[in-house]
Amino acid sequence: MDCAVNRWPPVYDFDSLQTEIKELVDRGLEENFYNEDPNLKDFFQGDIIELNMVFPYIDENGDIAVIESDKWLILGNTCDISRDDLPYTNIIPLDELGDDVPREIINNLKNFQSYKKIFFPDISKETSGYVAEFTQICSIEKTYLIKESKKISELEYHSWVLFHSCIVRYFARDDGRKD
């Protein structure tokens, strides 16, 4: 199927969203990306957690395959996490940006140029940071998440707005069917 056929337009103002992302990035977010005094007992959308588990996916043969990860991003909405009637939320594995990643790619990620990926700085400064790929969403039972994971960091408000801007840009972009 050709995605460029009959593309539908985005459901947001693309230029406005791009301007919002650029303005947020220009504020120097890397130094103030995370809350310096996070609430470590409650979980919120955008939190980075430690949880040694695997990301399951269906491979090219239809078999269940996995990618191991020990750091995850909570994608699910905060109010959904706190509700007792919803048993699941969504998380995304974080991939560490290694020394082998070209500087140009890291700079593009730090400027939030990718539609499918979002950059998260490493608060320890031991790595070049982490990236979450919006195509790798995993459902998790909230009881397990709360019981077994350890919260590492919590976004500041402006980085949470940036996170949302990237989510909207990814999920609500044009889909190619009206080109």
Protein backbone atom coordinates (compact mmCIF):
# COMPACT_ATOMS: atom_id res chain seq x y z
CA MET A 1 0.00 0.00 0.00
CA ASP A 2 1.38 3.39 -0.98
CA CYS A 3 1.04 5.85 1.92
CA ALA A 4 1.37 8.80 -0.43
CA VAL A 5 -1.97 8.00 -2.10
CA ASN A 6 -4.99 10.06 -0.98
CA ARG A 7 -3.16 11.63 2.00
CA TRP A 8 -5.40 13.19 4.67
CA PRO A 9 -4.12 16.41 6.26
CA PRO A 10 -2.93 16.69 9.88
CA VAL A 11 -5.59 17.52 12.47
CA TYR A 12 -3.50 20.29 14.01
CA ASP A 13 -1.81 23.38 12.66
CA PHE A 14 1.55 21.97 11.58
CA ASP A 15 3.37 25.32 11.46
CA SER A 16 2.08 26.32 14.89
CA LEU A 17 3.18 23.02 16.44
CA GLN A 18 6.63 23.24 14.83
CA THR A 19 6.98 26.79 16.17
CA GLU A 20 5.94 25.61 19.65
CA ILE A 21 8.54 22.82 19.59
CA LYS A 22 11.28 25.18 18.40
CA GLU A 23 10.44 27.77 21.07
CA LEU A 24 10.53 25.12 23.81
CA VAL A 25 13.85 23.74 22.56
CA ASP A 26 15.34 27.24 22.34
CA ARG A 27 14.69 27.66 26.09
CA GLY A 28 17.62 25.35 26.81
CA LEU A 29 15.56 22.43 28.02
CA GLU A 30 18.38 19.99 28.60
CA GLU A 31 19.46 21.71 31.82
CA ASN A 32 15.89 22.06 33.18
CA PHE A 33 14.22 19.07 31.59
CA TYR A 34 13.44 17.20 34.81
CA ASN A 35 11.93 18.26 38.11
CA GLU A 36 14.73 18.74 40.66
CA ASP A 37 12.45 17.55 43.48
CA PRO A 38 10.33 14.79 41.90
CA ASN A 39 7.45 13.00 43.57
CA LEU A 40 8.98 9.51 43.69
CA LYS A 41 5.94 7.65 45.01
CA ASP A 42 3.39 8.58 42.32
CA PHE A 43 3.63 7.93 38.58
CA PHE A 44 2.84 10.52 35.92
CA GLN A 45 2.79 10.70 32.16
CA GLY A 46 6.31 11.40 30.91
CA ASP A 47 8.08 9.84 33.90
CA ILE A 48 11.25 7.85 33.29
CA ILE A 49 11.26 4.59 35.23
CA GLU A 50 13.67 1.73 35.85
CA LEU A 51 12.11 -1.65 35.20
CA ASN A 52 14.08 -4.65 33.98
CA MET A 53 11.80 -6.32 31.48
CA VAL A 54 11.40 -7.02 27.79
CA PHE A 55 9.51 -5.16 25.08
CA PRO A 56 7.41 -7.77 23.25
CA TYR A 57 6.62 -7.48 19.55
CA ILE A 58 5.55 -9.76 16.71
CA ASP A 59 8.41 -10.42 14.29
CA GLU A 60 8.39 -10.96 10.53
CA ASN A 61 7.49 -14.64 11.00
CA GLY A 62 4.55 -13.92 13.29
CA ASP A 63 6.47 -15.07 16.34
CA ILE A 64 6.73 -13.21 19.64
CA ALA A 65 10.13 -11.54 19.93
CA VAL A 66 11.55 -9.25 22.60
CA ILE A 67 13.98 -6.40 23.15
CA GLU A 68 15.42 -6.04 26.66
CA SER A 69 15.26 -2.66 28.37
CA ASP A 70 15.80 -1.37 31.89
CA LYS A 71 14.61 2.22 31.32
CA TRP A 72 11.12 3.10 30.17
CA LEU A 73 8.99 6.16 29.45
CA ILE A 74 5.42 6.29 30.74
CA LEU A 75 3.25 7.26 27.78
CA GLY A 76 -0.13 6.66 29.42
CA ASN A 77 -2.12 9.62 30.69
CA THR A 78 -1.69 10.50 34.38
CA CYS A 79 -5.44 10.41 35.08
CA ASP A 80 -5.63 6.92 33.53
CA ILE A 81 -2.83 5.76 35.83
CA SER A 82 -4.69 7.00 38.91
CA ARG A 83 -8.07 5.52 37.94
CA ASP A 84 -9.03 2.22 39.58
CA ASP A 85 -11.30 1.13 36.72
CA LEU A 86 -8.50 1.07 34.11
CA PRO A 87 -6.07 -1.82 34.61
CA TYR A 88 -3.48 -0.89 31.95
CA THR A 89 -1.31 1.98 30.80
CA ASN A 90 1.36 2.34 28.10
CA ILE A 91 5.12 2.51 28.32
CA ILE A 92 7.91 2.83 25.74
CA PRO A 93 11.42 1.37 26.10
CA LEU A 94 14.23 3.93 26.17
CA ASP A 95 17.28 3.31 24.04
CA GLU A 96 20.59 4.76 25.17
CA LEU A 97 22.35 6.85 22.56
CA GLY A 98 25.75 5.21 22.33
CA ASP A 99 29.10 6.66 21.31
CA ASP A 100 28.62 5.16 17.85
CA VAL A 101 25.64 7.42 17.06
CA PRO A 102 26.79 10.23 14.74
CA ARG A 103 26.78 13.72 16.30
CA GLU A 104 24.45 15.00 13.52
CA ILE A 105 21.78 12.44 14.46
CA ILE A 106 22.12 13.28 18.17
CA ASN A 107 21.80 17.01 17.38
CA ASN A 108 18.66 16.37 15.30
CA LEU A 109 17.19 14.34 18.18
CA LYS A 110 18.10 17.07 20.70
CA ASN A 111 16.31 19.58 18.47
CA PHE A 112 13.27 17.28 18.31
CA GLN A 113 13.39 16.99 14.52
CA SER A 114 12.24 13.35 14.43
CA TYR A 115 8.54 12.61 14.17
CA LYS A 116 8.80 9.04 15.42
CA LYS A 117 11.35 9.52 18.21
CA ILE A 118 11.71 11.80 21.20
CA PHE A 119 14.94 12.67 22.99
CA PHE A 120 15.41 12.53 26.76
CA PRO A 121 18.61 13.85 28.36
CA ASP A 122 20.53 11.65 30.78
CA ILE A 123 20.39 13.40 34.16
CA SER A 124 23.58 11.61 35.21
CA LYS A 125 25.38 13.04 32.13
CA GLU A 126 27.04 9.62 31.69
CA THR A 127 25.53 9.11 28.24
CA SER A 128 24.45 11.25 25.29
CA GLY A 129 20.87 10.66 26.40
CA TYR A 130 18.01 8.37 25.52
CA VAL A 131 15.45 8.09 22.79
CA ALA A 132 11.91 6.71 22.87
CA GLU A 133 10.37 5.55 19.63
CA PHE A 134 6.62 6.11 19.38
CA THR A 135 6.25 2.97 17.25
CA GLN A 136 7.34 0.83 20.24
CA ILE A 137 4.38 1.17 22.60
CA CYS A 138 3.80 -1.57 25.16
CA SER A 139 0.79 -2.12 27.43
CA ILE A 140 1.51 -2.84 31.06
CA GLU A 141 -0.75 -3.66 33.98
CA LYS A 142 -0.63 -0.66 36.32
CA THR A 143 -0.42 -2.81 39.44
CA TYR A 144 2.81 -4.37 38.18
CA LEU A 145 4.18 -1.01 37.05
CA ILE A 146 3.58 0.58 40.44
CA LYS A 147 4.83 -2.42 42.42
CA GLU A 148 7.94 -3.31 40.39
CA SER A 149 9.32 -0.12 38.86
CA LYS A 150 11.41 2.67 40.32
CA LYS A 151 10.80 6.23 39.21
CA ILE A 152 14.02 7.90 38.03
CA SER A 153 12.81 11.29 36.90
CA GLU A 154 9.79 13.49 36.36
CA LEU A 155 9.37 16.09 33.63
CA GLU A 156 9.17 19.81 34.31
CA TYR A 157 6.05 21.50 32.93
CA HIS A 158 7.73 22.94 29.81
CA SER A 159 9.35 19.58 28.92
CA TRP A 160 5.97 17.89 29.49
CA VAL A 161 4.45 20.37 26.98
CA LEU A 162 7.27 19.50 24.57
CA PHE A 163 6.55 15.80 25.13
CA HIS A 164 2.89 16.40 24.30
CA SER A 165 3.76 18.43 21.24
CA CYS A 166 5.85 15.51 19.98
CA ILE A 167 3.06 13.02 20.75
CA VAL A 168 0.54 15.13 18.81
CA ARG A 169 2.97 15.61 15.93
CA TYR A 170 3.44 11.83 15.70
CA PHE A 171 -0.12 10.60 16.18
CA ALA A 172 -2.03 13.41 14.46
CA ARG A 173 0.23 14.02 11.46
CA ASP A 174 -1.08 13.61 7.94
CA ASP A 175 -1.22 10.00 6.85
CA GLY A 176 -0.41 10.26 3.15
CA ARG A 177 -3.69 9.24 1.64
CA LYS A 178 -4.49 12.57 -0.06
CA ASP A 179 -1.09 13.39 -1.64
